[in-house]
Amino acid sequence: MKLLKTCAVIVGLCVPVGFASAEEETGRSLMAEGMELFLKGLQDEIAPTLDEFTSLMDEIGPGLQSFLEEMGPKLGAVFSKVEDWSSYHAPEMLPNGDIIMRKKTPAEIGTPVDDEASGGVEL
């Protein structure tokens, strides 16, 4: 969340600097004025959403951080072992609380079955 605020401040500070370099002796170019109006309108439009996002992160931030601290290394180990996530079904939760990920069959993946590996006839 601090990163988001920092990025917003940096962008806010850099935009006027960019427009200042576009100024000519006679005043701003139409492109610079148009860009400034566009960015001001964009800022006005996203400000409420950013405020809501900030309050949401204030609520769930501590819980999310503790989850990532505890589960991060374990999830990293799982991610490093799986080469292609598209070859698995979506995770399922069993009645006992276990979570499983079933591997798709070759027919479900859409890849042809190798006849030699399955003992097929060579033509």
C-alpha atoms as a PDB file:
ATOM      1  CA  MET A   1       0.000   0.000   0.000  1.00  0.00           C
ATOM      2  CA  LYS A   2       2.877   2.346   0.781  1.00  0.00           C
ATOM      3  CA  LEU A   3       4.269   1.483  -2.648  1.00  0.00           C
ATOM      4  CA  LEU A   4       1.014   2.578  -4.307  1.00  0.00           C
ATOM      5  CA  LYS A   5       1.036   5.896  -2.467  1.00  0.00           C
ATOM      6  CA  THR A   6       4.703   6.422  -3.299  1.00  0.00           C
ATOM      7  CA  CYS A   7       4.058   5.725  -6.989  1.00  0.00           C
ATOM      8  CA  ALA A   8       1.140   8.157  -7.027  1.00  0.00           C
ATOM      9  CA  VAL A   9       3.275  10.893  -5.448  1.00  0.00           C
ATOM     10  CA  ILE A  10       6.128  10.272  -7.903  1.00  0.00           C
ATOM     11  CA  VAL A  11       3.778  10.440 -10.894  1.00  0.00           C
ATOM     12  CA  GLY A  12       2.199  13.590  -9.491  1.00  0.00           C
ATOM     13  CA  LEU A  13       5.596  15.229  -9.167  1.00  0.00           C
ATOM     14  CA  CYS A  14       6.918  14.084 -12.543  1.00  0.00           C
ATOM     15  CA  VAL A  15       3.948  15.229 -14.643  1.00  0.00           C
ATOM     16  CA  PRO A  16       4.487  18.973 -14.039  1.00  0.00           C
ATOM     17  CA  VAL A  17       8.208  18.578 -14.727  1.00  0.00           C
ATOM     18  CA  GLY A  18       7.416  16.938 -18.070  1.00  0.00           C
ATOM     19  CA  PHE A  19       5.068  19.746 -18.988  1.00  0.00           C
ATOM     20  CA  ALA A  20       7.593  22.391 -18.003  1.00  0.00           C
ATOM     21  CA  SER A  21      10.073  20.981 -20.498  1.00  0.00           C
ATOM     22  CA  ALA A  22       7.409  21.229 -23.234  1.00  0.00           C
ATOM     23  CA  GLU A  23       6.911  24.940 -22.697  1.00  0.00           C
ATOM     24  CA  GLU A  24       8.039  27.320 -25.366  1.00  0.00           C
ATOM     25  CA  GLU A  25       8.849  31.012 -25.068  1.00  0.00           C
ATOM     26  CA  THR A  26       5.339  31.915 -26.157  1.00  0.00           C
ATOM     27  CA  GLY A  27       3.659  29.564 -23.659  1.00  0.00           C
ATOM     28  CA  ARG A  28       2.576  25.963 -23.454  1.00  0.00           C
ATOM     29  CA  SER A  29       1.892  23.956 -26.534  1.00  0.00           C
ATOM     30  CA  LEU A  30      -1.613  22.673 -27.136  1.00  0.00           C
ATOM     31  CA  MET A  31      -0.354  19.111 -26.676  1.00  0.00           C
ATOM     32  CA  ALA A  32       0.983  19.910 -23.199  1.00  0.00           C
ATOM     33  CA  GLU A  33      -2.260  21.609 -22.169  1.00  0.00           C
ATOM     34  CA  GLY A  34      -4.331  18.744 -23.541  1.00  0.00           C
ATOM     35  CA  MET A  35      -2.187  16.175 -21.731  1.00  0.00           C
ATOM     36  CA  GLU A  36      -2.461  18.124 -18.497  1.00  0.00           C
ATOM     37  CA  LEU A  37      -6.261  18.265 -18.780  1.00  0.00           C
ATOM     38  CA  PHE A  38      -6.401  14.552 -19.608  1.00  0.00           C
ATOM     39  CA  LEU A  39      -4.254  13.580 -16.607  1.00  0.00           C
ATOM     40  CA  LYS A  40      -6.209  15.896 -14.296  1.00  0.00           C
ATOM     41  CA  GLY A  41      -9.465  14.271 -15.425  1.00  0.00           C
ATOM     42  CA  LEU A  42      -7.962  10.818 -14.979  1.00  0.00           C
ATOM     43  CA  GLN A  43      -6.773  11.730 -11.495  1.00  0.00           C
ATOM     44  CA  ASP A  44     -10.242  13.024 -10.573  1.00  0.00           C
ATOM     45  CA  GLU A  45     -11.836   9.804 -11.863  1.00  0.00           C
ATOM     46  CA  ILE A  46      -9.551   7.367 -10.034  1.00  0.00           C
ATOM     47  CA  ALA A  47      -9.244   9.280  -6.746  1.00  0.00           C
ATOM     48  CA  PRO A  48     -12.385   7.703  -5.162  1.00  0.00           C
ATOM     49  CA  THR A  49     -11.285   4.234  -6.233  1.00  0.00           C
ATOM     50  CA  LEU A  50      -7.822   4.751  -4.777  1.00  0.00           C
ATOM     51  CA  ASP A  51      -9.381   5.963  -1.515  1.00  0.00           C
ATOM     52  CA  GLU A  52     -11.550   2.829  -1.336  1.00  0.00           C
ATOM     53  CA  PHE A  53      -8.541   0.652  -2.145  1.00  0.00           C
ATOM     54  CA  THR A  54      -6.514   2.356   0.582  1.00  0.00           C
ATOM     55  CA  SER A  55      -9.209   1.744   3.195  1.00  0.00           C
ATOM     56  CA  LEU A  56      -9.565  -1.879   2.047  1.00  0.00           C
ATOM     57  CA  MET A  57      -5.829  -2.442   2.357  1.00  0.00           C
ATOM     58  CA  ASP A  58      -5.886  -0.877   5.825  1.00  0.00           C
ATOM     59  CA  GLU A  59      -8.482  -3.498   6.818  1.00  0.00           C
ATOM     60  CA  ILE A  60      -7.033  -6.634   5.220  1.00  0.00           C
ATOM     61  CA  GLY A  61      -3.363  -5.649   5.016  1.00  0.00           C
ATOM     62  CA  PRO A  62      -2.166  -7.125   8.338  1.00  0.00           C
ATOM     63  CA  GLY A  63      -3.947 -10.452   7.782  1.00  0.00           C
ATOM     64  CA  LEU A  64      -2.693 -10.689   4.216  1.00  0.00           C
ATOM     65  CA  GLN A  65       0.861  -9.914   5.314  1.00  0.00           C
ATOM     66  CA  SER A  66       0.848 -12.641   7.981  1.00  0.00           C
ATOM     67  CA  PHE A  67      -0.624 -15.110   5.469  1.00  0.00           C
ATOM     68  CA  LEU A  68       2.127 -14.344   2.963  1.00  0.00           C
ATOM     69  CA  GLU A  69       4.840 -14.605   5.616  1.00  0.00           C
ATOM     70  CA  GLU A  70       3.579 -18.037   6.672  1.00  0.00           C
ATOM     71  CA  MET A  71       2.519 -19.507   3.333  1.00  0.00           C
ATOM     72  CA  GLY A  72       4.867 -17.689   0.949  1.00  0.00           C
ATOM     73  CA  PRO A  73       7.770 -20.154   1.119  1.00  0.00           C
ATOM     74  CA  LYS A  74       5.438 -23.158   0.867  1.00  0.00           C
ATOM     75  CA  LEU A  75       3.605 -21.719  -2.137  1.00  0.00           C
ATOM     76  CA  GLY A  76       6.946 -20.903  -3.750  1.00  0.00           C
ATOM     77  CA  ALA A  77       7.960 -24.559  -3.427  1.00  0.00           C
ATOM     78  CA  VAL A  78       4.717 -25.677  -5.091  1.00  0.00           C
ATOM     79  CA  PHE A  79       5.070 -23.131  -7.902  1.00  0.00           C
ATOM     80  CA  SER A  80       8.632 -24.256  -8.630  1.00  0.00           C
ATOM     81  CA  LYS A  81       7.541 -27.894  -9.052  1.00  0.00           C
ATOM     82  CA  VAL A  82       4.689 -27.246 -11.500  1.00  0.00           C
ATOM     83  CA  GLU A  83       5.843 -26.624 -15.065  1.00  0.00           C
ATOM     84  CA  ASP A  84       2.485 -25.992 -16.766  1.00  0.00           C
ATOM     85  CA  TRP A  85      -0.531 -24.899 -14.708  1.00  0.00           C
ATOM     86  CA  SER A  86      -2.870 -25.431 -17.653  1.00  0.00           C
ATOM     87  CA  SER A  87      -2.381 -29.195 -17.318  1.00  0.00           C
ATOM     88  CA  TYR A  88      -4.189 -29.175 -13.941  1.00  0.00           C
ATOM     89  CA  HIS A  89      -7.841 -28.786 -12.978  1.00  0.00           C
ATOM     90  CA  ALA A  90      -8.853 -26.017 -10.589  1.00  0.00           C
ATOM     91  CA  PRO A  91      -8.135 -26.868  -6.927  1.00  0.00           C
ATOM     92  CA  GLU A  92     -10.889 -28.725  -5.071  1.00  0.00           C
ATOM     93  CA  MET A  93     -11.591 -28.808  -1.352  1.00  0.00           C
ATOM     94  CA  LEU A  94     -12.544 -32.223  -0.021  1.00  0.00           C
ATOM     95  CA  PRO A  95     -15.084 -32.655   2.833  1.00  0.00           C
ATOM     96  CA  ASN A  96     -12.216 -33.288   5.281  1.00  0.00           C
ATOM     97  CA  GLY A  97     -10.636 -29.920   4.390  1.00  0.00           C
ATOM     98  CA  ASP A  98      -7.846 -31.213   2.161  1.00  0.00           C
ATOM     99  CA  ILE A  99      -7.221 -29.263  -1.004  1.00  0.00           C
ATOM    100  CA  ILE A 100      -6.248 -31.247  -4.082  1.00  0.00           C
ATOM    101  CA  MET A 101      -5.258 -30.407  -7.627  1.00  0.00           C
ATOM    102  CA  ARG A 102      -6.056 -33.101 -10.165  1.00  0.00           C
ATOM    103  CA  LYS A 103      -3.891 -33.427 -13.256  1.00  0.00           C
ATOM    104  CA  LYS A 104      -5.792 -33.391 -16.554  1.00  0.00           C
ATOM    105  CA  THR A 105      -5.717 -36.428 -18.816  1.00  0.00           C
ATOM    106  CA  PRO A 106      -4.062 -36.055 -22.245  1.00  0.00           C
ATOM    107  CA  ALA A 107      -7.542 -35.987 -23.828  1.00  0.00           C
ATOM    108  CA  GLU A 108      -8.584 -33.111 -21.524  1.00  0.00           C
ATOM    109  CA  ILE A 109      -5.411 -31.196 -22.331  1.00  0.00           C
ATOM    110  CA  GLY A 110      -5.945 -31.734 -26.048  1.00  0.00           C
ATOM    111  CA  THR A 111      -2.596 -33.311 -26.796  1.00  0.00           C
ATOM    112  CA  PRO A 112      -2.492 -36.467 -28.927  1.00  0.00           C
ATOM    113  CA  VAL A 113      -1.494 -39.664 -27.168  1.00  0.00           C
ATOM    114  CA  ASP A 114       1.877 -41.040 -28.326  1.00  0.00           C
ATOM    115  CA  ASP A 115       1.140 -44.464 -29.937  1.00  0.00           C
ATOM    116  CA  GLU A 116       4.654 -45.813 -29.376  1.00  0.00           C
ATOM    117  CA  ALA A 117       4.556 -45.040 -25.663  1.00  0.00           C
ATOM    118  CA  SER A 118       1.158 -46.708 -25.318  1.00  0.00           C
ATOM    119  CA  GLY A 119       2.184 -49.819 -27.281  1.00  0.00           C
ATOM    120  CA  GLY A 120       0.394 -48.851 -30.502  1.00  0.00           C
ATOM    121  CA  VAL A 121       1.072 -50.226 -33.963  1.00  0.00           C
ATOM    122  CA  GLU A 122       3.869 -48.709 -36.007  1.00  0.00           C
ATOM    123  CA  LEU A 123       2.907 -48.076 -39.632  1.00  0.00           C
END
